[in-house]
PDB file of N, CA and C in Angstrom:
ATOM      1  N   MET A   1      -1.237  15.185   5.379  1.00  0.00           N
ATOM      2  CA  MET A   1      -2.350  14.687   6.153  1.00  0.00           C
ATOM      3  C   MET A   1      -3.327  13.935   5.255  1.00  0.00           C
ATOM      4  N   GLN A   2      -3.413  14.350   4.012  1.00  0.00           N
ATOM      5  CA  GLN A   2      -4.323  13.668   3.089  1.00  0.00           C
ATOM      6  C   GLN A   2      -3.898  12.226   2.834  1.00  0.00           C
ATOM      7  N   ARG A   3      -2.635  11.906   3.051  1.00  0.00           N
ATOM      8  CA  ARG A   3      -2.118  10.556   2.845  1.00  0.00           C
ATOM      9  C   ARG A   3      -2.152   9.742   4.128  1.00  0.00           C
ATOM     10  N   GLY A   4      -2.757  10.287   5.199  1.00  0.00           N
ATOM     11  CA  GLY A   4      -2.941   9.530   6.427  1.00  0.00           C
ATOM     12  C   GLY A   4      -1.926   9.783   7.523  1.00  0.00           C
ATOM     13  N   LEU A   5      -1.075  10.777   7.363  1.00  0.00           N
ATOM     14  CA  LEU A   5      -0.121  11.099   8.413  1.00  0.00           C
ATOM     15  C   LEU A   5      -0.792  11.883   9.531  1.00  0.00           C
ATOM     16  N   ASP A   6      -0.288  11.709  10.727  1.00  0.00           N
ATOM     17  CA  ASP A   6      -0.727  12.496  11.866  1.00  0.00           C
ATOM     18  C   ASP A   6      -0.468  13.980  11.558  1.00  0.00           C
ATOM     19  N   PRO A   7      -1.392  14.881  11.895  1.00  0.00           N
ATOM     20  CA  PRO A   7      -1.191  16.304  11.568  1.00  0.00           C
ATOM     21  C   PRO A   7       0.115  16.889  12.096  1.00  0.00           C
ATOM     22  N   GLY A   8       0.504  16.523  13.302  1.00  0.00           N
ATOM     23  CA  GLY A   8       1.762  17.035  13.847  1.00  0.00           C
ATOM     24  C   GLY A   8       2.961  16.533  13.076  1.00  0.00           C
ATOM     25  N   TRP A   9       2.938  15.260  12.699  1.00  0.00           N
ATOM     26  CA  TRP A   9       4.048  14.680  11.948  1.00  0.00           C
ATOM     27  C   TRP A   9       4.087  15.256  10.534  1.00  0.00           C
ATOM     28  N   ALA A  10       2.920  15.464   9.938  1.00  0.00           N
ATOM     29  CA  ALA A  10       2.863  16.051   8.600  1.00  0.00           C
ATOM     30  C   ALA A  10       3.443  17.463   8.616  1.00  0.00           C
ATOM     31  N   TRP A  11       3.087  18.247   9.637  1.00  0.00           N
ATOM     32  CA  TRP A  11       3.612  19.617   9.730  1.00  0.00           C
ATOM     33  C   TRP A  11       5.115  19.592   9.931  1.00  0.00           C
ATOM     34  N   GLN A  12       5.578  18.724  10.830  1.00  0.00           N
ATOM     35  CA  GLN A  12       7.007  18.651  11.119  1.00  0.00           C
ATOM     36  C   GLN A  12       7.797  18.210   9.893  1.00  0.00           C
ATOM     37  N   SER A  13       7.272  17.277   9.131  1.00  0.00           N
ATOM     38  CA  SER A  13       7.990  16.802   7.944  1.00  0.00           C
ATOM     39  C   SER A  13       7.954  17.825   6.814  1.00  0.00           C
ATOM     40  N   ALA A  14       6.895  18.626   6.747  1.00  0.00           N
ATOM     41  CA  ALA A  14       6.798  19.647   5.696  1.00  0.00           C
ATOM     42  C   ALA A  14       7.757  20.809   5.954  1.00  0.00           C
ATOM     43  N   PHE A  15       8.020  21.090   7.215  1.00  0.00           N
ATOM     44  CA  PHE A  15       8.850  22.243   7.563  1.00  0.00           C
ATOM     45  C   PHE A  15      10.118  21.836   8.308  1.00  0.00           C
ATOM     46  N   ASN A  16      10.700  20.706   7.927  1.00  0.00           N
ATOM     47  CA  ASN A  16      11.894  20.237   8.625  1.00  0.00           C
ATOM     48  C   ASN A  16      13.180  20.889   8.110  1.00  0.00           C
ATOM     49  N   GLY A  17      13.100  21.689   7.063  1.00  0.00           N
ATOM     50  CA  GLY A  17      14.272  22.387   6.555  1.00  0.00           C
ATOM     51  C   GLY A  17      15.177  21.539   5.676  1.00  0.00           C
ATOM     52  N   ARG A  18      14.775  20.322   5.434  1.00  0.00           N
ATOM     53  CA  ARG A  18      15.579  19.444   4.581  1.00  0.00           C
ATOM     54  C   ARG A  18      14.945  19.405   3.200  1.00  0.00           C
ATOM     55  N   GLY A  19      15.731  19.063   2.228  1.00  0.00           N
ATOM     56  CA  GLY A  19      15.246  19.074   0.855  1.00  0.00           C
ATOM     57  C   GLY A  19      14.502  17.814   0.461  1.00  0.00           C
ATOM     58  N   PRO A  20      14.016  17.787  -0.775  1.00  0.00           N
ATOM     59  CA  PRO A  20      13.223  16.655  -1.250  1.00  0.00           C
ATOM     60  C   PRO A  20      14.001  15.343  -1.318  1.00  0.00           C
ATOM     61  N   TRP A  21      15.310  15.403  -1.577  1.00  0.00           N
ATOM     62  CA  TRP A  21      16.089  14.162  -1.655  1.00  0.00           C
ATOM     63  C   TRP A  21      16.178  13.495  -0.301  1.00  0.00           C
ATOM     64  N   TRP A  22      16.373  14.273   0.765  1.00  0.00           N
ATOM     65  CA  TRP A  22      16.429  13.700   2.104  1.00  0.00           C
ATOM     66  C   TRP A  22      15.046  13.173   2.492  1.00  0.00           C
ATOM     67  N   ASN A  23      14.026  13.970   2.236  1.00  0.00           N
ATOM     68  CA  ASN A  23      12.665  13.572   2.608  1.00  0.00           C
ATOM     69  C   ASN A  23      12.204  12.326   1.849  1.00  0.00           C
ATOM     70  N   ALA A  24      12.719  12.119   0.651  1.00  0.00           N
ATOM     71  CA  ALA A  24      12.295  10.950  -0.134  1.00  0.00           C
ATOM     72  C   ALA A  24      12.656   9.648   0.563  1.00  0.00           C
ATOM     73  N   GLY A  25      13.723   9.636   1.348  1.00  0.00           N
ATOM     74  CA  GLY A  25      14.115   8.415   2.042  1.00  0.00           C
ATOM     75  C   GLY A  25      13.678   8.363   3.493  1.00  0.00           C
ATOM     76  N   ALA A  26      12.928   9.333   3.933  1.00  0.00           N
ATOM     77  CA  ALA A  26      12.519   9.403   5.329  1.00  0.00           C
ATOM     78  C   ALA A  26      11.325   8.504   5.616  1.00  0.00           C
ATOM     79  N   SER A  27      11.209   8.095   6.856  1.00  0.00           N
ATOM     80  CA  SER A  27      10.154   7.156   7.237  1.00  0.00           C
ATOM     81  C   SER A  27       8.756   7.740   7.041  1.00  0.00           C
ATOM     82  N   HIS A  28       8.600   9.054   7.211  1.00  0.00           N
ATOM     83  CA  HIS A  28       7.272   9.637   7.031  1.00  0.00           C
ATOM     84  C   HIS A  28       6.799   9.510   5.585  1.00  0.00           C
ATOM     85  N   MET A  29       7.721   9.546   4.638  1.00  0.00           N
ATOM     86  CA  MET A  29       7.331   9.370   3.236  1.00  0.00           C
ATOM     87  C   MET A  29       6.960   7.915   2.960  1.00  0.00           C
ATOM     88  N   ASN A  30       7.650   6.987   3.608  1.00  0.00           N
ATOM     89  CA  ASN A  30       7.295   5.580   3.457  1.00  0.00           C
ATOM     90  C   ASN A  30       5.928   5.287   4.057  1.00  0.00           C
ATOM     91  N   ASP A  31       5.575   5.993   5.121  1.00  0.00           N
ATOM     92  CA  ASP A  31       4.251   5.828   5.722  1.00  0.00           C
ATOM     93  C   ASP A  31       3.161   6.428   4.830  1.00  0.00           C
ATOM     94  N   ALA A  32       3.458   7.557   4.218  1.00  0.00           N
ATOM     95  CA  ALA A  32       2.459   8.249   3.398  1.00  0.00           C
ATOM     96  C   ALA A  32       2.280   7.608   2.028  1.00  0.00           C
ATOM     97  N   TYR A  33       3.355   7.117   1.451  1.00  0.00           N
ATOM     98  CA  TYR A  33       3.302   6.557   0.102  1.00  0.00           C
ATOM     99  C   TYR A  33       3.821   5.123   0.127  1.00  0.00           C
ATOM    100  N   ARG A  34       2.922   4.195   0.264  1.00  0.00           N
ATOM    101  CA  ARG A  34       3.268   2.775   0.279  1.00  0.00           C
ATOM    102  C   ARG A  34       3.563   2.306  -1.139  1.00  0.00           C
ATOM    103  N   THR A  35       4.152   1.138  -1.242  1.00  0.00           N
ATOM    104  CA  THR A  35       4.507   0.566  -2.541  1.00  0.00           C
ATOM    105  C   THR A  35       3.281   0.404  -3.433  1.00  0.00           C
ATOM    106  N   ALA A  36       2.160   0.038  -2.856  1.00  0.00           N
ATOM    107  CA  ALA A  36       0.939  -0.173  -3.632  1.00  0.00           C
ATOM    108  C   ALA A  36       0.517   1.090  -4.375  1.00  0.00           C
ATOM    109  N   PHE A  37       0.792   2.251  -3.820  1.00  0.00           N
ATOM    110  CA  PHE A  37       0.467   3.514  -4.474  1.00  0.00           C
ATOM    111  C   PHE A  37       1.180   3.625  -5.817  1.00  0.00           C
ATOM    112  N   PHE A  38       2.468   3.297  -5.827  1.00  0.00           N
ATOM    113  CA  PHE A  38       3.254   3.409  -7.044  1.00  0.00           C
ATOM    114  C   PHE A  38       2.940   2.291  -8.037  1.00  0.00           C
ATOM    115  N   VAL A  39       2.637   1.108  -7.533  1.00  0.00           N
ATOM    116  CA  VAL A  39       2.223   0.003  -8.404  1.00  0.00           C
ATOM    117  C   VAL A  39       0.909   0.357  -9.089  1.00  0.00           C
ATOM    118  N   HIS A  40       0.002   0.979  -8.351  1.00  0.00           N
ATOM    119  CA  HIS A  40      -1.280   1.409  -8.915  1.00  0.00           C
ATOM    120  C   HIS A  40      -1.079   2.432 -10.035  1.00  0.00           C
ATOM    121  N   LEU A  41      -0.039   3.245  -9.936  1.00  0.00           N
ATOM    122  CA  LEU A  41       0.271   4.218 -10.985  1.00  0.00           C
ATOM    123  C   LEU A  41       0.913   3.569 -12.208  1.00  0.00           C
ATOM    124  N   GLY A  42       1.253   2.285 -12.094  1.00  0.00           N
ATOM    125  CA  GLY A  42       1.858   1.583 -13.210  1.00  0.00           C
ATOM    126  C   GLY A  42       3.373   1.650 -13.228  1.00  0.00           C
ATOM    127  N   LEU A  43       3.961   2.102 -12.117  1.00  0.00           N
ATOM    128  CA  LEU A  43       5.412   2.191 -12.038  1.00  0.00           C
ATOM    129  C   LEU A  43       6.001   0.845 -11.627  1.00  0.00           C
ATOM    130  N   LEU A  44       7.200   0.581 -12.071  1.00  0.00           N
ATOM    131  CA  LEU A  44       7.857  -0.670 -11.737  1.00  0.00           C
ATOM    132  C   LEU A  44       8.345  -0.647 -10.298  1.00  0.00           C
ATOM    133  N   PHE A  45       8.234  -1.769  -9.652  1.00  0.00           N
ATOM    134  CA  PHE A  45       8.743  -1.953  -8.307  1.00  0.00           C
ATOM    135  C   PHE A  45      10.037  -2.743  -8.462  1.00  0.00           C
ATOM    136  N   LEU A  46      11.160  -2.034  -8.519  1.00  0.00           N
ATOM    137  CA  LEU A  46      12.432  -2.641  -8.894  1.00  0.00           C
ATOM    138  C   LEU A  46      12.906  -3.696  -7.906  1.00  0.00           C
ATOM    139  N   ILE A  47      12.692  -3.503  -6.638  1.00  0.00           N
ATOM    140  CA  ILE A  47      13.125  -4.516  -5.669  1.00  0.00           C
ATOM    141  C   ILE A  47      12.330  -5.796  -5.867  1.00  0.00           C
ATOM    142  N   GLY A  48      11.028  -5.676  -6.094  1.00  0.00           N
ATOM    143  CA  GLY A  48      10.206  -6.849  -6.350  1.00  0.00           C
ATOM    144  C   GLY A  48      10.616  -7.558  -7.629  1.00  0.00           C
ATOM    145  N   LEU A  49      10.924  -6.792  -8.659  1.00  0.00           N
ATOM    146  CA  LEU A  49      11.376  -7.368  -9.921  1.00  0.00           C
ATOM    147  C   LEU A  49      12.726  -8.069  -9.752  1.00  0.00           C
ATOM    148  N   HIS A  50      13.604  -7.463  -8.994  1.00  0.00           N
ATOM    149  CA  HIS A  50      14.929  -8.060  -8.724  1.00  0.00           C
ATOM    150  C   HIS A  50      14.762  -9.379  -7.971  1.00  0.00           C
ATOM    151  N   ARG A  51      13.914  -9.400  -6.971  1.00  0.00           N
ATOM    152  CA  ARG A  51      13.681 -10.644  -6.206  1.00  0.00           C
ATOM    153  C   ARG A  51      13.078 -11.720  -7.082  1.00  0.00           C
ATOM    154  N   HIS A  52      12.176 -11.336  -7.961  1.00  0.00           N
ATOM    155  CA  HIS A  52      11.534 -12.302  -8.851  1.00  0.00           C
ATOM    156  C   HIS A  52      12.557 -12.917  -9.822  1.00  0.00           C
ATOM    157  N   VAL A  53      13.421 -12.097 -10.375  1.00  0.00           N
ATOM    158  CA  VAL A  53      14.430 -12.577 -11.330  1.00  0.00           C
ATOM    159  C   VAL A  53      15.442 -13.483 -10.623  1.00  0.00           C
ATOM    160  N   ASN A  54      15.840 -13.121  -9.425  1.00  0.00           N
ATOM    161  CA  ASN A  54      16.832 -13.914  -8.710  1.00  0.00           C
ATOM    162  C   ASN A  54      16.277 -15.238  -8.185  1.00  0.00           C
ATOM    163  N   ARG A  55      14.956 -15.359  -8.085  1.00  0.00           N
ATOM    164  CA  ARG A  55      14.341 -16.617  -7.662  1.00  0.00           C
ATOM    165  C   ARG A  55      14.398 -17.674  -8.748  1.00  0.00           C
ATOM    166  N   ALA A  56      14.399 -17.222  -9.993  1.00  0.00           N
ATOM    167  CA  ALA A  56      14.330 -18.155 -11.127  1.00  0.00           C
ATOM    168  C   ALA A  56      15.611 -18.941 -11.305  1.00  0.00           C
TER     169      ALA A  56
END
């Protein structure tokens, strides 16, 4: 909920019985953690880097 998810969706995603690997690719995680969050942390955005290299 702190990342902006609806409380019901946050509860359902927290207790869905699936592990972290499945949840990492789920739409609720994409809603909670946008690409800008990881760029702000200084992490590489590999898809963006791949697109940039292939444009050249």
